[in-house]
């Protein structure tokens, strides 16, 4: 890899590069439940469990007339492909009680009172404090969490039976925030960096899958064989990010200190691989103008020039009905990279 400023192309990959295709079965995306739109509160039964939903007519995106009820309906409709990506993972709650443009707060411990069927993931922290995070394993739990005002969903990278051994490593590609009066980093630069990351991972024979974040950037995930601890995964991601920053200083920074980041660059954020950190899941709606959705995309789409604005709450289900779950390989046992084989080579990157 060179330090040229020419826009890189994604080299053909053996995995993670299928083009969207129409599925006649549409991945089974039939509406599993109807969320009432003409009342403020309702009890909804799903899978033998009753969920009490509130403030259904409250506008969460006033400019689009999108209500909390419509947000809940989206999550119900997308749940057949979303739920497998959340299964058995602790969920950090980011609550927006007043809607997407209002204040928010983070919450780790599942609130009480709560339905007895809400499963918990008990995680001990360095302080010795044990926190019971909610786990979303079914539609009822999903609706219960979203009803708390959670617009996007933020699951742990590891499963609850071993919260120090993640199932993937990832890179959060985020344009550096400009100073006052400076122009924003063009999204085309983020796409260029995504191609560089893809090619670097291909050189290491590592499968990679991309999604738009629904915010400002691109996430790149690598499914790994479960085994290395979270700190080891973080160490590898840091080494690769810093190597890319050295080779492409005109495009990439791996500097985690905000004040030290050069302008007009894209941050290859490795630090989100740290223990206890989370990123918005695929198919999450983001609390941004337009109600964008974090959407899996193919590398061909990245090459052609995908945009954040392409996918939103009102077209995401149709998109998935046409292309299926492009991130299904992250759920499979086969095709995962054995990171343990290269951990000893981190210093050579």
Protein backbone atom coordinates (compact mmCIF):
# COMPACT_ATOMS: atom_id res chain seq x y z
CA UNK A 1 0.00 0.00 0.00
CA UNK A 2 1.24 3.44 -0.88
CA UNK A 3 0.62 6.92 0.46
CA UNK A 4 -0.85 8.17 -2.81
CA UNK A 5 -3.76 10.63 -2.69
CA UNK A 6 -5.51 8.86 -5.58
CA UNK A 7 -8.85 7.40 -4.55
CA UNK A 8 -8.29 3.70 -3.85
CA UNK A 9 -10.46 0.98 -5.30
CA UNK A 10 -11.67 -2.03 -3.39
CA UNK A 11 -9.92 -5.15 -4.60
CA UNK A 12 -12.19 -8.13 -5.29
CA UNK A 13 -12.86 -10.07 -2.11
CA UNK A 14 -13.68 -13.72 -1.68
CA UNK A 15 -16.13 -12.88 1.09
CA UNK A 16 -18.38 -10.00 2.04
CA UNK A 17 -18.72 -8.66 -1.50
CA UNK A 18 -22.01 -9.96 -2.85
CA UNK A 19 -24.19 -7.52 -4.74
CA UNK A 20 -27.76 -6.87 -3.52
CA UNK A 21 -30.21 -9.38 -4.91
CA UNK A 22 -33.96 -9.59 -4.77
CA UNK A 23 -35.32 -12.41 -2.61
CA UNK A 24 -38.80 -13.67 -3.40
CA UNK A 25 -39.21 -14.74 0.22
CA UNK A 26 -38.03 -11.30 1.40
CA UNK A 27 -36.25 -12.87 4.36
CA UNK A 28 -39.63 -13.53 5.98
CA UNK A 29 -40.14 -9.83 6.67
CA UNK A 30 -43.86 -9.94 7.29
CA UNK A 31 -45.32 -7.58 9.86
CA UNK A 32 -45.17 -9.56 13.14
CA UNK A 33 -47.40 -7.16 15.08
CA UNK A 34 -49.40 -3.99 14.47
CA UNK A 35 -48.52 -1.06 16.72
CA UNK A 36 -51.63 1.11 17.28
CA UNK A 37 -51.37 4.59 15.76
CA UNK A 38 -54.60 6.13 17.06
CA UNK A 39 -54.04 5.87 20.83
CA UNK A 40 -51.41 7.14 23.26
CA UNK A 41 -50.90 3.83 25.07
CA UNK A 42 -51.60 0.18 24.37
CA UNK A 43 -50.87 -3.34 25.56
CA UNK A 44 -49.42 -5.44 22.73
CA UNK A 45 -49.13 -9.22 22.89
CA UNK A 46 -46.20 -10.87 21.14
CA UNK A 47 -44.99 -14.42 21.65
CA UNK A 48 -47.25 -14.90 24.64
CA UNK A 49 -45.85 -11.81 26.40
CA UNK A 50 -47.64 -8.51 26.91
CA UNK A 51 -45.74 -5.25 26.42
CA UNK A 52 -47.19 -1.98 27.69
CA UNK A 53 -46.38 0.76 25.17
CA UNK A 54 -46.65 4.45 26.02
CA UNK A 55 -46.66 7.87 24.31
CA UNK A 56 -47.29 6.26 20.93
CA UNK A 57 -48.41 9.50 19.28
CA UNK A 58 -45.52 11.60 20.60
CA UNK A 59 -43.51 12.96 17.65
CA UNK A 60 -39.92 11.74 17.73
CA UNK A 61 -39.06 13.48 14.43
CA UNK A 62 -41.51 16.39 14.27
CA UNK A 63 -40.27 17.59 10.87
CA UNK A 64 -41.19 14.21 9.36
CA UNK A 65 -44.27 13.54 11.49
CA UNK A 66 -42.63 10.33 12.70
CA UNK A 67 -44.08 9.26 16.02
CA UNK A 68 -42.74 6.97 18.70
CA UNK A 69 -45.34 4.46 17.52
CA UNK A 70 -43.89 4.49 14.01
CA UNK A 71 -40.41 3.94 15.48
CA UNK A 72 -41.74 0.93 17.39
CA UNK A 73 -43.44 -0.37 14.25
CA UNK A 74 -40.16 -0.13 12.33
CA UNK A 75 -38.34 -2.18 14.96
CA UNK A 76 -41.11 -4.77 14.97
CA UNK A 77 -40.96 -5.03 11.17
CA UNK A 78 -37.15 -5.29 11.00
CA UNK A 79 -36.93 -7.67 13.98
CA UNK A 80 -36.54 -10.92 11.98
CA UNK A 81 -33.11 -9.79 10.76
CA UNK A 82 -32.20 -7.54 13.70
CA UNK A 83 -32.78 -9.89 16.62
CA UNK A 84 -30.06 -12.45 15.72
CA UNK A 85 -27.48 -9.63 15.89
CA UNK A 86 -28.60 -8.70 19.41
CA UNK A 87 -29.08 -12.19 20.85
CA UNK A 88 -27.34 -12.94 24.16
CA UNK A 89 -25.64 -9.52 24.34
CA UNK A 90 -25.85 -6.91 27.07
CA UNK A 91 -27.60 -3.76 25.86
CA UNK A 92 -26.52 -0.25 26.82
CA UNK A 93 -29.60 1.97 26.77
CA UNK A 94 -29.34 5.46 25.26
CA UNK A 95 -32.68 7.03 26.08
CA UNK A 96 -34.30 9.95 24.24
CA UNK A 97 -37.56 10.48 26.15
CA UNK A 98 -38.39 13.67 24.22
CA UNK A 99 -37.50 12.41 20.76
CA UNK A 100 -34.53 12.53 18.40
CA UNK A 101 -33.76 16.23 18.83
CA UNK A 102 -34.15 16.26 22.60
CA UNK A 103 -31.72 15.52 25.44
CA UNK A 104 -30.62 11.93 26.08
CA UNK A 105 -28.98 9.93 28.81
CA UNK A 106 -27.17 6.59 29.01
CA UNK A 107 -28.37 3.81 31.27
CA UNK A 108 -26.73 0.45 31.87
CA UNK A 109 -28.78 -1.16 34.63
CA UNK A 110 -32.21 -2.41 33.55
CA UNK A 111 -34.81 -0.20 35.22
CA UNK A 112 -37.31 -1.48 37.75
CA UNK A 113 -40.10 -2.30 37.81
CA UNK A 114 -39.87 -4.34 34.62
CA UNK A 115 -41.58 -7.41 33.19
CA UNK A 116 -40.34 -10.67 34.69
CA UNK A 117 -39.57 -11.98 31.21
CA UNK A 118 -36.88 -9.34 30.54
CA UNK A 119 -33.58 -11.25 30.69
CA UNK A 120 -30.53 -9.72 32.34
CA UNK A 121 -26.81 -10.04 31.66
CA UNK A 122 -24.94 -9.63 34.95
CA UNK A 123 -21.50 -8.09 34.34
CA UNK A 124 -18.94 -7.35 37.03
CA UNK A 125 -16.93 -4.16 36.50
CA UNK A 126 -13.47 -3.23 37.81
CA UNK A 127 -15.08 -1.42 40.72
CA UNK A 128 -16.59 -4.70 41.85
CA UNK A 129 -20.04 -3.41 40.99
CA UNK A 130 -22.25 -5.93 39.20
CA UNK A 131 -24.64 -4.40 36.68
CA UNK A 132 -27.64 -6.21 35.24
CA UNK A 133 -27.94 -5.10 31.61
CA UNK A 134 -31.10 -5.94 29.67
CA UNK A 135 -30.78 -8.55 26.92
CA UNK A 136 -32.89 -8.45 23.76
CA UNK A 137 -33.59 -12.03 22.70
CA UNK A 138 -37.12 -11.64 21.39
CA UNK A 139 -39.57 -9.13 19.97
CA UNK A 140 -41.20 -8.40 23.32
CA UNK A 141 -37.86 -7.41 24.87
CA UNK A 142 -37.02 -5.32 21.80
CA UNK A 143 -40.28 -3.36 22.04
CA UNK A 144 -39.82 -2.94 25.79
CA UNK A 145 -36.35 -1.39 25.35
CA UNK A 146 -37.39 0.88 22.46
CA UNK A 147 -40.42 1.99 24.46
CA UNK A 148 -37.99 3.37 27.07
CA UNK A 149 -37.00 5.94 24.44
CA UNK A 150 -34.04 4.04 22.98
CA UNK A 151 -33.85 5.19 19.37
CA UNK A 152 -30.67 3.30 18.48
CA UNK A 153 -29.48 0.03 20.00
CA UNK A 154 -26.01 -0.42 21.47
CA UNK A 155 -25.12 -4.07 22.19
CA UNK A 156 -21.86 -5.40 23.60
CA UNK A 157 -19.40 -7.06 21.19
CA UNK A 158 -19.23 -10.20 23.33
CA UNK A 159 -21.97 -12.54 24.47
CA UNK A 160 -23.13 -12.81 28.06
CA UNK A 161 -21.54 -16.18 28.81
CA UNK A 162 -18.07 -14.60 28.40
CA UNK A 163 -18.06 -10.82 28.23
CA UNK A 164 -14.30 -10.57 27.67
CA UNK A 165 -14.15 -12.57 24.43
CA UNK A 166 -15.76 -10.70 21.52
CA UNK A 167 -17.10 -12.21 18.31
CA UNK A 168 -15.62 -9.55 16.05
CA UNK A 169 -13.20 -6.68 15.80
CA UNK A 170 -14.17 -3.49 14.04
CA UNK A 171 -13.12 -0.06 12.87
CA UNK A 172 -15.30 3.03 13.23
CA UNK A 173 -14.44 5.35 10.35
CA UNK A 174 -15.42 8.85 11.41
CA UNK A 175 -14.58 12.18 9.74
CA UNK A 176 -12.65 14.51 12.04
CA UNK A 177 -14.96 17.21 13.38
CA UNK A 178 -13.99 20.55 11.80
CA UNK A 179 -13.19 23.62 13.84
CA UNK A 180 -15.62 26.52 13.82
CA UNK A 181 -15.78 28.06 10.37
CA UNK A 182 -14.07 25.11 8.64
CA UNK A 183 -15.72 22.90 6.05
CA UNK A 184 -16.77 19.39 7.01
CA UNK A 185 -14.75 16.45 5.74
CA UNK A 186 -16.49 15.19 2.56
CA UNK A 187 -18.10 11.77 2.91
CA UNK A 188 -16.18 10.68 -0.19
CA UNK A 189 -13.07 10.71 2.01
CA UNK A 190 -14.73 8.32 4.44
CA UNK A 191 -15.49 5.99 1.53
CA UNK A 192 -11.87 6.22 0.35
CA UNK A 193 -10.66 5.24 3.81
CA UNK A 194 -13.17 2.37 3.91
CA UNK A 195 -11.62 1.03 0.72
CA UNK A 196 -8.14 1.31 2.20
CA UNK A 197 -9.23 -0.57 5.33
CA UNK A 198 -10.91 -3.24 3.20
CA UNK A 199 -7.78 -3.75 1.11
CA UNK A 200 -5.55 -3.92 4.19
CA UNK A 201 -7.79 -6.58 5.71
CA UNK A 202 -7.85 -8.47 2.41
CA UNK A 203 -4.04 -8.52 2.46
CA UNK A 204 -4.33 -10.31 5.80
CA UNK A 205 -7.00 -12.64 4.37
CA UNK A 206 -9.50 -11.26 6.88
CA UNK A 207 -13.19 -11.13 5.86
CA UNK A 208 -14.71 -7.68 6.27
CA UNK A 209 -18.25 -6.30 6.19
CA UNK A 210 -19.31 -2.68 5.99
CA UNK A 211 -22.31 -0.70 7.10
CA UNK A 212 -23.28 2.94 7.01
CA UNK A 213 -23.47 4.21 10.57
CA UNK A 214 -26.54 6.35 9.97
CA UNK A 215 -24.57 9.21 11.50
CA UNK A 216 -21.36 10.40 9.79
CA UNK A 217 -19.28 7.39 8.91
CA UNK A 218 -18.78 3.74 8.05
CA UNK A 219 -18.29 0.74 10.32
CA UNK A 220 -16.08 -2.13 9.15
CA UNK A 221 -16.48 -5.42 11.05
CA UNK A 222 -14.39 -8.59 10.95
CA UNK A 223 -15.99 -11.79 12.33
CA UNK A 224 -13.40 -13.60 14.43
CA UNK A 225 -13.14 -16.99 16.09
CA UNK A 226 -14.06 -16.47 19.71
CA UNK A 227 -10.97 -16.76 21.88
CA UNK A 228 -8.81 -13.62 22.16
CA UNK A 229 -9.68 -11.32 25.03
CA UNK A 230 -11.07 -7.87 24.40
CA UNK A 231 -7.72 -6.18 25.20
CA UNK A 232 -5.96 -8.38 22.65
CA UNK A 233 -8.52 -7.49 19.99
CA UNK A 234 -8.10 -3.81 20.87
CA UNK A 235 -4.30 -4.12 20.62
CA UNK A 236 -4.51 -5.63 17.13
CA UNK A 237 -7.01 -3.00 15.94
CA UNK A 238 -4.78 -0.22 17.30
CA UNK A 239 -1.70 -1.56 15.50
CA UNK A 240 -3.54 -1.85 12.19
CA UNK A 241 -5.09 1.61 12.49
CA UNK A 242 -1.75 3.20 13.30
CA UNK A 243 -0.10 1.40 10.40
CA UNK A 244 -2.74 2.75 8.02
CA UNK A 245 -2.27 6.26 9.39
CA UNK A 246 1.48 6.04 8.73
CA UNK A 247 0.94 4.85 5.16
CA UNK A 248 -1.85 7.29 4.32
CA UNK A 249 -1.16 10.41 6.39
CA UNK A 250 -3.01 12.63 3.91
CA UNK A 251 -6.27 10.77 4.55
CA UNK A 252 -6.12 8.89 7.85
CA UNK A 253 -5.51 9.63 11.49
CA UNK A 254 -5.50 7.16 14.37
CA UNK A 255 -4.97 9.91 16.96
CA UNK A 256 -7.42 9.40 19.78
CA UNK A 257 -6.81 12.77 21.46
CA UNK A 258 -9.35 15.08 19.85
CA UNK A 259 -7.18 18.20 20.06
CA UNK A 260 -4.30 16.43 18.32
CA UNK A 261 -6.23 15.19 15.29
CA UNK A 262 -5.24 16.86 12.01
CA UNK A 263 -8.06 18.47 10.08
CA UNK A 264 -9.51 17.06 6.86
CA UNK A 265 -8.73 13.51 7.94
CA UNK A 266 -10.81 10.45 8.71
CA UNK A 267 -10.33 8.84 12.09
CA UNK A 268 -9.85 5.07 12.01
CA UNK A 269 -11.17 4.60 15.51
CA UNK A 270 -9.74 1.46 17.08
CA UNK A 271 -10.57 2.49 20.65
CA UNK A 272 -14.19 1.41 20.30
CA UNK A 273 -12.79 -2.14 20.62
CA UNK A 274 -12.11 -1.49 24.31
CA UNK A 275 -13.98 -3.52 26.94
CA UNK A 276 -17.41 -2.12 27.70
CA UNK A 277 -17.58 0.16 24.65
CA UNK A 278 -20.46 -0.17 22.20
CA UNK A 279 -21.47 0.97 18.72
CA UNK A 280 -24.95 1.34 17.27
CA UNK A 281 -26.04 -2.00 15.85
CA UNK A 282 -26.94 -2.66 12.25
CA UNK A 283 -30.53 -1.71 11.43
CA UNK A 284 -30.56 0.85 14.25
CA UNK A 285 -32.42 4.07 13.63
CA UNK A 286 -30.20 7.03 14.54
CA UNK A 287 -31.40 10.16 16.35
CA UNK A 288 -30.45 12.40 13.43
CA UNK A 289 -32.43 14.53 10.95
CA UNK A 290 -34.19 12.30 8.42
CA UNK A 291 -34.33 9.28 10.77
CA UNK A 292 -31.38 7.51 9.05
CA UNK A 293 -30.73 3.81 9.60
CA UNK A 294 -27.42 2.02 10.10
CA UNK A 295 -27.43 -0.27 7.06
CA UNK A 296 -25.21 -3.14 5.91
CA UNK A 297 -23.80 -2.46 2.43
CA UNK A 298 -21.69 -4.38 -0.05
CA UNK A 299 -18.20 -3.35 -1.03
CA UNK A 300 -19.52 -2.76 -4.54
CA UNK A 301 -21.89 -0.16 -3.07
CA UNK A 302 -18.99 1.46 -1.22
CA UNK A 303 -17.08 1.53 -4.49
CA UNK A 304 -19.99 3.16 -6.33
CA UNK A 305 -20.50 5.77 -3.63
CA UNK A 306 -23.15 4.89 -1.06
CA UNK A 307 -24.47 7.74 1.12
CA UNK A 308 -25.71 7.99 4.71
CA UNK A 309 -28.99 9.52 3.52
CA UNK A 310 -29.94 6.55 1.33
CA UNK A 311 -31.38 4.51 4.18
CA UNK A 312 -33.98 5.66 6.65
CA UNK A 313 -36.78 4.45 8.89
CA UNK A 314 -39.30 4.49 6.06
CA UNK A 315 -37.33 2.59 3.39
CA UNK A 316 -35.04 0.28 5.37
CA UNK A 317 -37.48 -2.63 5.57
CA UNK A 318 -38.01 -2.55 1.80
CA UNK A 319 -34.23 -2.51 1.29
CA UNK A 320 -33.80 -5.61 3.46
CA UNK A 321 -36.72 -7.34 1.76
CA UNK A 322 -34.81 -6.94 -1.52
CA UNK A 323 -31.24 -7.81 -0.47
CA UNK A 324 -31.66 -9.88 2.68
CA UNK A 325 -29.37 -9.61 5.68
CA UNK A 326 -25.96 -8.78 4.20
CA UNK A 327 -24.47 -9.24 7.65
CA UNK A 328 -25.68 -12.79 8.13
CA UNK A 329 -22.08 -14.10 7.79
CA UNK A 330 -21.27 -12.39 11.11
CA UNK A 331 -23.70 -14.80 12.77
CA UNK A 332 -22.18 -17.98 11.33
CA UNK A 333 -19.47 -20.20 12.80
CA UNK A 334 -17.80 -20.77 9.45
CA UNK A 335 -15.85 -18.06 7.68
CA UNK A 336 -14.52 -16.45 10.87
CA UNK A 337 -10.92 -15.29 11.10
CA UNK A 338 -8.66 -16.86 13.72
CA UNK A 339 -7.14 -13.72 15.18
CA UNK A 340 -5.13 -15.78 17.64
CA UNK A 341 -2.81 -16.85 14.80
CA UNK A 342 -1.66 -13.29 14.10
CA UNK A 343 -1.63 -11.68 17.55
CA UNK A 344 2.07 -12.43 17.86
CA UNK A 345 2.73 -10.48 14.66
CA UNK A 346 1.10 -7.23 15.79
CA UNK A 347 4.45 -5.48 16.23
CA UNK A 348 5.28 -6.16 12.57
CA UNK A 349 2.30 -4.31 11.16
